[in-house]
Each structure stands twice: as C-alpha cells, then as structure tokens.
C-alpha atoms as a PDB file:
ATOM      1  CA  MET A   1     -43.208 -44.313 -55.302  1.00  0.00           C
ATOM      2  CA  SER A   2     -39.491 -43.626 -55.242  1.00  0.00           C
ATOM      3  CA  ILE A   3     -38.380 -40.152 -54.171  1.00  0.00           C
ATOM      4  CA  TYR A   4     -35.504 -40.251 -56.629  1.00  0.00           C
ATOM      5  CA  THR A   5     -35.944 -40.506 -60.385  1.00  0.00           C
ATOM      6  CA  LYS A   6     -32.318 -40.027 -61.507  1.00  0.00           C
ATOM      7  CA  THR A   7     -33.621 -37.815 -64.345  1.00  0.00           C
ATOM      8  CA  GLY A   8     -31.882 -34.795 -62.815  1.00  0.00           C
ATOM      9  CA  ASP A   9     -28.483 -36.365 -62.393  1.00  0.00           C
ATOM     10  CA  LYS A  10     -27.109 -34.448 -65.371  1.00  0.00           C
ATOM     11  CA  GLY A  11     -28.266 -31.042 -64.126  1.00  0.00           C
ATOM     12  CA  THR A  12     -31.703 -30.715 -65.671  1.00  0.00           C
ATOM     13  CA  THR A  13     -35.190 -30.765 -64.211  1.00  0.00           C
ATOM     14  CA  SER A  14     -38.691 -30.980 -65.587  1.00  0.00           C
ATOM     15  CA  LEU A  15     -41.284 -28.221 -65.315  1.00  0.00           C
ATOM     16  CA  ILE A  16     -44.890 -29.173 -64.545  1.00  0.00           C
ATOM     17  CA  ASN A  17     -45.858 -29.323 -68.203  1.00  0.00           C
ATOM     18  CA  GLY A  18     -42.858 -31.426 -69.212  1.00  0.00           C
ATOM     19  CA  THR A  19     -40.303 -28.905 -70.463  1.00  0.00           C
ATOM     20  CA  ARG A  20     -36.783 -29.860 -69.364  1.00  0.00           C
ATOM     21  CA  VAL A  21     -34.547 -27.000 -68.300  1.00  0.00           C
ATOM     22  CA  PRO A  22     -31.160 -26.687 -66.584  1.00  0.00           C
ATOM     23  CA  LYS A  23     -31.452 -26.608 -62.790  1.00  0.00           C
ATOM     24  CA  ASN A  24     -29.898 -23.139 -62.800  1.00  0.00           C
ATOM     25  CA  HIS A  25     -32.490 -21.780 -65.280  1.00  0.00           C
ATOM     26  CA  ILE A  26     -33.938 -18.454 -64.093  1.00  0.00           C
ATOM     27  CA  ARG A  27     -37.392 -20.068 -63.870  1.00  0.00           C
ATOM     28  CA  VAL A  28     -36.043 -22.742 -61.502  1.00  0.00           C
ATOM     29  CA  GLU A  29     -34.077 -20.087 -59.588  1.00  0.00           C
ATOM     30  CA  SER A  30     -37.317 -18.096 -59.230  1.00  0.00           C
ATOM     31  CA  TYR A  31     -39.534 -20.854 -57.887  1.00  0.00           C
ATOM     32  CA  GLY A  32     -36.643 -22.239 -55.835  1.00  0.00           C
ATOM     33  CA  THR A  33     -36.195 -18.881 -54.120  1.00  0.00           C
ATOM     34  CA  ILE A  34     -39.943 -18.763 -53.429  1.00  0.00           C
ATOM     35  CA  ASP A  35     -39.571 -22.237 -51.887  1.00  0.00           C
ATOM     36  CA  GLU A  36     -36.735 -20.953 -49.686  1.00  0.00           C
ATOM     37  CA  LEU A  37     -38.875 -17.948 -48.723  1.00  0.00           C
ATOM     38  CA  ASN A  38     -41.741 -20.260 -47.799  1.00  0.00           C
ATOM     39  CA  ALA A  39     -39.406 -22.203 -45.487  1.00  0.00           C
ATOM     40  CA  HIS A  40     -38.451 -18.950 -43.752  1.00  0.00           C
ATOM     41  CA  ILE A  41     -42.122 -17.987 -43.459  1.00  0.00           C
ATOM     42  CA  ALA A  42     -42.756 -21.378 -41.822  1.00  0.00           C
ATOM     43  CA  MET A  43     -39.988 -20.622 -39.320  1.00  0.00           C
ATOM     44  CA  VAL A  44     -41.482 -17.207 -38.522  1.00  0.00           C
ATOM     45  CA  LYS A  45     -44.933 -18.759 -38.169  1.00  0.00           C
ATOM     46  CA  SER A  46     -43.598 -21.406 -35.785  1.00  0.00           C
ATOM     47  CA  MET A  47     -42.387 -18.622 -33.462  1.00  0.00           C
ATOM     48  CA  ILE A  48     -45.681 -16.701 -33.369  1.00  0.00           C
ATOM     49  CA  LYS A  49     -48.193 -17.102 -30.589  1.00  0.00           C
ATOM     50  CA  ASN A  50     -50.691 -14.520 -31.921  1.00  0.00           C
ATOM     51  CA  LYS A  51     -53.498 -16.425 -33.686  1.00  0.00           C
ATOM     52  CA  ILE A  52     -54.277 -13.602 -36.140  1.00  0.00           C
ATOM     53  CA  LEU A  53     -50.650 -13.341 -37.295  1.00  0.00           C
ATOM     54  CA  LYS A  54     -50.373 -17.142 -37.459  1.00  0.00           C
ATOM     55  CA  LYS A  55     -53.473 -17.236 -39.700  1.00  0.00           C
ATOM     56  CA  GLU A  56     -52.054 -14.479 -41.923  1.00  0.00           C
ATOM     57  CA  LEU A  57     -48.790 -16.369 -42.327  1.00  0.00           C
ATOM     58  CA  SER A  58     -50.664 -19.581 -43.141  1.00  0.00           C
ATOM     59  CA  GLU A  59     -52.358 -17.652 -45.947  1.00  0.00           C
ATOM     60  CA  VAL A  60     -48.963 -16.375 -47.110  1.00  0.00           C
ATOM     61  CA  GLU A  61     -47.625 -19.946 -47.174  1.00  0.00           C
ATOM     62  CA  ASN A  62     -50.604 -21.030 -49.267  1.00  0.00           C
ATOM     63  CA  ASN A  63     -50.173 -18.102 -51.666  1.00  0.00           C
ATOM     64  CA  LEU A  64     -46.468 -18.834 -52.069  1.00  0.00           C
ATOM     65  CA  SER A  65     -47.320 -22.423 -52.963  1.00  0.00           C
ATOM     66  CA  ILE A  66     -49.720 -21.156 -55.642  1.00  0.00           C
ATOM     67  CA  ILE A  67     -46.997 -18.832 -56.940  1.00  0.00           C
ATOM     68  CA  GLN A  68     -44.448 -21.678 -57.038  1.00  0.00           C
ATOM     69  CA  THR A  69     -46.851 -23.793 -59.041  1.00  0.00           C
ATOM     70  CA  HIS A  70     -47.395 -21.070 -61.637  1.00  0.00           C
ATOM     71  CA  LEU A  71     -43.676 -20.375 -61.896  1.00  0.00           C
ATOM     72  CA  ALA A  72     -42.994 -24.082 -62.493  1.00  0.00           C
ATOM     73  CA  ILE A  73     -45.054 -24.045 -65.707  1.00  0.00           C
ATOM     74  CA  ASP A  74     -43.498 -23.256 -69.075  1.00  0.00           C
ATOM     75  CA  PRO A  75     -45.743 -20.451 -70.403  1.00  0.00           C
ATOM     76  CA  GLU A  76     -44.694 -21.302 -73.966  1.00  0.00           C
ATOM     77  CA  LYS A  77     -46.175 -24.778 -73.738  1.00  0.00           C
ATOM     78  CA  GLU A  78     -49.753 -25.859 -73.087  1.00  0.00           C
ATOM     79  CA  CYS A  79     -50.449 -27.150 -69.598  1.00  0.00           C
ATOM     80  CA  THR A  80     -53.089 -29.852 -69.548  1.00  0.00           C
ATOM     81  CA  ILE A  81     -52.993 -30.430 -65.795  1.00  0.00           C
ATOM     82  CA  SER A  82     -56.370 -29.405 -64.365  1.00  0.00           C
ATOM     83  CA  THR A  83     -55.283 -29.137 -60.720  1.00  0.00           C
ATOM     84  CA  ILE A  84     -53.289 -25.914 -61.120  1.00  0.00           C
ATOM     85  CA  PRO A  85     -54.595 -23.439 -58.490  1.00  0.00           C
ATOM     86  CA  ASP A  86     -56.080 -20.181 -59.757  1.00  0.00           C
ATOM     87  CA  ILE A  87     -53.524 -17.344 -59.594  1.00  0.00           C
ATOM     88  CA  GLN A  88     -56.400 -14.976 -58.771  1.00  0.00           C
ATOM     89  CA  LYS A  89     -56.592 -16.607 -55.317  1.00  0.00           C
ATOM     90  CA  ILE A  90     -53.555 -14.637 -54.185  1.00  0.00           C
ATOM     91  CA  ASN A  91     -54.680 -11.276 -52.871  1.00  0.00           C
ATOM     92  CA  VAL A  92     -52.349  -8.296 -52.585  1.00  0.00           C
ATOM     93  CA  GLY A  93     -55.178  -6.347 -50.943  1.00  0.00           C
ATOM     94  CA  ASP A  94     -55.166  -8.716 -47.965  1.00  0.00           C
ATOM     95  CA  LEU A  95     -51.460  -8.027 -47.405  1.00  0.00           C
ATOM     96  CA  GLU A  96     -52.098  -4.286 -47.630  1.00  0.00           C
ATOM     97  CA  LYS A  97     -54.909  -4.467 -45.036  1.00  0.00           C
ATOM     98  CA  ASN A  98     -52.677  -6.461 -42.710  1.00  0.00           C
ATOM     99  CA  ILE A  99     -49.797  -4.006 -43.182  1.00  0.00           C
ATOM    100  CA  ASP A 100     -52.098  -1.042 -42.479  1.00  0.00           C
ATOM    101  CA  ARG A 101     -53.569  -2.728 -39.382  1.00  0.00           C
ATOM    102  CA  MET A 102     -50.129  -3.322 -37.864  1.00  0.00           C
ATOM    103  CA  ASN A 103     -48.729   0.024 -39.006  1.00  0.00           C
ATOM    104  CA  GLU A 104     -51.521   1.928 -37.219  1.00  0.00           C
ATOM    105  CA  LYS A 105     -50.120   0.666 -33.920  1.00  0.00           C
ATOM    106  CA  LEU A 106     -46.489   1.547 -34.681  1.00  0.00           C
ATOM    107  CA  PRO A 107     -44.648   4.830 -34.189  1.00  0.00           C
ATOM    108  CA  PRO A 108     -43.422   6.594 -37.341  1.00  0.00           C
ATOM    109  CA  ILE A 109     -39.983   5.601 -38.606  1.00  0.00           C
ATOM    110  CA  VAL A 110     -37.547   8.413 -37.817  1.00  0.00           C
ATOM    111  CA  SER A 111     -34.217   6.608 -38.138  1.00  0.00           C
ATOM    112  CA  PHE A 112     -32.565   3.415 -39.290  1.00  0.00           C
ATOM    113  CA  ILE A 113     -34.330   0.292 -37.992  1.00  0.00           C
ATOM    114  CA  PRO A 114     -31.997  -2.258 -36.352  1.00  0.00           C
ATOM    115  CA  LEU A 115     -32.541  -5.729 -37.783  1.00  0.00           C
ATOM    116  CA  GLY A 116     -32.309  -7.665 -34.543  1.00  0.00           C
ATOM    117  CA  GLY A 117     -33.583  -7.469 -31.033  1.00  0.00           C
ATOM    118  CA  SER A 118     -34.583 -11.116 -30.835  1.00  0.00           C
ATOM    119  CA  VAL A 119     -34.219 -14.306 -32.840  1.00  0.00           C
ATOM    120  CA  PHE A 120     -37.843 -13.869 -33.897  1.00  0.00           C
ATOM    121  CA  VAL A 121     -37.349 -10.324 -35.229  1.00  0.00           C
ATOM    122  CA  ALA A 122     -34.130 -11.360 -36.970  1.00  0.00           C
ATOM    123  CA  GLN A 123     -35.975 -14.283 -38.611  1.00  0.00           C
ATOM    124  CA  CYS A 124     -38.624 -11.857 -39.919  1.00  0.00           C
ATOM    125  CA  HIS A 125     -35.844  -9.783 -41.486  1.00  0.00           C
ATOM    126  CA  ILE A 126     -34.187 -12.878 -42.985  1.00  0.00           C
ATOM    127  CA  ALA A 127     -37.532 -13.777 -44.577  1.00  0.00           C
ATOM    128  CA  ARG A 128     -37.832 -10.185 -45.864  1.00  0.00           C
ATOM    129  CA  CYS A 129     -34.337 -10.335 -47.407  1.00  0.00           C
ATOM    130  CA  VAL A 130     -35.093 -13.666 -49.106  1.00  0.00           C
ATOM    131  CA  CYS A 131     -38.367 -12.147 -50.337  1.00  0.00           C
ATOM    132  CA  ARG A 132     -36.437  -9.262 -51.911  1.00  0.00           C
ATOM    133  CA  ARG A 133     -34.069 -11.751 -53.575  1.00  0.00           C
ATOM    134  CA  ALA A 134     -37.077 -13.663 -54.898  1.00  0.00           C
ATOM    135  CA  GLU A 135     -38.396 -10.404 -56.306  1.00  0.00           C
ATOM    136  CA  ARG A 136     -35.095  -9.759 -58.098  1.00  0.00           C
ATOM    137  CA  ARG A 137     -35.173 -13.278 -59.566  1.00  0.00           C
ATOM    138  CA  LEU A 138     -38.780 -12.733 -60.693  1.00  0.00           C
ATOM    139  CA  ILE A 139     -37.913  -9.452 -62.394  1.00  0.00           C
ATOM    140  CA  THR A 140     -35.089 -11.178 -64.278  1.00  0.00           C
ATOM    141  CA  LEU A 141     -37.491 -13.968 -65.272  1.00  0.00           C
ATOM    142  CA  SER A 142     -40.138 -11.449 -66.373  1.00  0.00           C
ATOM    143  CA  GLN A 143     -37.631  -9.843 -68.730  1.00  0.00           C
ATOM    144  CA  ALA A 144     -37.227 -13.177 -70.535  1.00  0.00           C
ATOM    145  CA  SER A 145     -40.626 -14.841 -70.111  1.00  0.00           C
ATOM    146  CA  PHE A 146     -44.185 -14.242 -68.981  1.00  0.00           C
ATOM    147  CA  VAL A 147     -44.774 -13.770 -65.237  1.00  0.00           C
ATOM    148  CA  HIS A 148     -48.240 -12.948 -63.899  1.00  0.00           C
ATOM    149  CA  GLN A 149     -48.390  -9.361 -62.626  1.00  0.00           C
ATOM    150  CA  GLU A 150     -50.180 -10.672 -59.521  1.00  0.00           C
ATOM    151  CA  ILE A 151     -47.020 -12.590 -58.596  1.00  0.00           C
ATOM    152  CA  LEU A 152     -44.744  -9.560 -58.942  1.00  0.00           C
ATOM    153  CA  SER A 153     -47.132  -7.371 -56.929  1.00  0.00           C
ATOM    154  CA  TYR A 154     -47.652  -9.984 -54.220  1.00  0.00           C
ATOM    155  CA  ILE A 155     -43.942 -10.590 -53.651  1.00  0.00           C
ATOM    156  CA  ASN A 156     -43.236  -6.858 -53.589  1.00  0.00           C
ATOM    157  CA  ARG A 157     -45.965  -6.295 -50.999  1.00  0.00           C
ATOM    158  CA  LEU A 158     -44.949  -9.362 -48.987  1.00  0.00           C
ATOM    159  CA  SER A 159     -41.524  -7.842 -48.311  1.00  0.00           C
ATOM    160  CA  ASP A 160     -43.315  -4.747 -46.961  1.00  0.00           C
ATOM    161  CA  TYR A 161     -45.510  -6.987 -44.803  1.00  0.00           C
ATOM    162  CA  LEU A 162     -42.450  -8.769 -43.389  1.00  0.00           C
ATOM    163  CA  PHE A 163     -40.754  -5.439 -42.610  1.00  0.00           C
ATOM    164  CA  VAL A 164     -43.810  -4.176 -40.737  1.00  0.00           C
ATOM    165  CA  LEU A 165     -44.256  -7.557 -39.023  1.00  0.00           C
ATOM    166  CA  ALA A 166     -40.675  -7.349 -37.714  1.00  0.00           C
ATOM    167  CA  ARG A 167     -41.396  -3.898 -36.272  1.00  0.00           C
ATOM    168  CA  PHE A 168     -44.784  -5.007 -34.928  1.00  0.00           C
ATOM    169  CA  VAL A 169     -43.449  -7.988 -32.963  1.00  0.00           C
ATOM    170  CA  GLN A 170     -40.318  -6.197 -31.689  1.00  0.00           C
END
C-alpha cells in the first residue's frame, strides 16, 4: 500500500465516510489539533516514570484517538464503517478522579503559577495550551456542525488535568 494517494494535492482531503473537504476546513482543523495534542501527550508520557500517571496518559491517548475518529466523520452523511469506536468509551469522570487525586496532594494556588521549572513541566503546559486551542477549534466546529457533548467536556477537563499534572510533577 502506498502512503501517498495524490488525492490531496489540490488542497482537499477525505473524511472517513467519503466527504471531501478543504484541508483547512474547521473539521480538519479540529481533528488535526487533537492529533497535535496527542503527540504532545506522547511526549509528556515518555518523560514520566510514575506507572500510574503513565497509565492515565495512555488512556488519554486512546481517548484522543477515539475523539479524532468521531471528528473525522461527516455527521450529515451516513457512516457505514462498523469499526468506529464507541464515543461513550471516553470518560470525563476518570479525568475528574485523577485531577482530584493529584489535587489533594497539592497546596492551594495563591498566586500566578510559573509555566516552567523543568522541560517536563514546560511540556505539560505546552500540551495544556494545545488542548485549549483544540477546545477553541471544537467550539467553532460545534457552532457549524454536530459535535458530541462528550468530546467538548472531555477536552475541557483534559486541559484541567494537564494543569494539575504540571503542578503535581513540579
């Protein structure tokens, strides 16, 4: 199988269920930003030694892949592909439990939080910033087309998780 198809040479791409859209379409921007976020999550995960945090980030990577898949489907057109993962598999509650667990061990925030301290902490904040950008793209998409509420909630909570993770590992 060739990696290149040449079908995108004129600036369009195909969604999972066949709809062709410009490569700068807000749907493509949305799942592309989630892809970028997932790459940053992979970088954060590669720096972690803690097995619990590594497992949590593996789950985040999996959930982001599910989200990307759903965003790459035209909701106006039937999707006959049976291998689409169930959106209900992503769980905002798991992120909230993980946030609460880490937050219990942290002092209250009383001033501005510096974004550095180490390459690892800075990478957590970069992932958080990309997550916020993904959320902005998703909100724009949701104003024009259907987006599962679970996706919006998960991405919103994930940025909180990444903020607390950066404080937790500092």
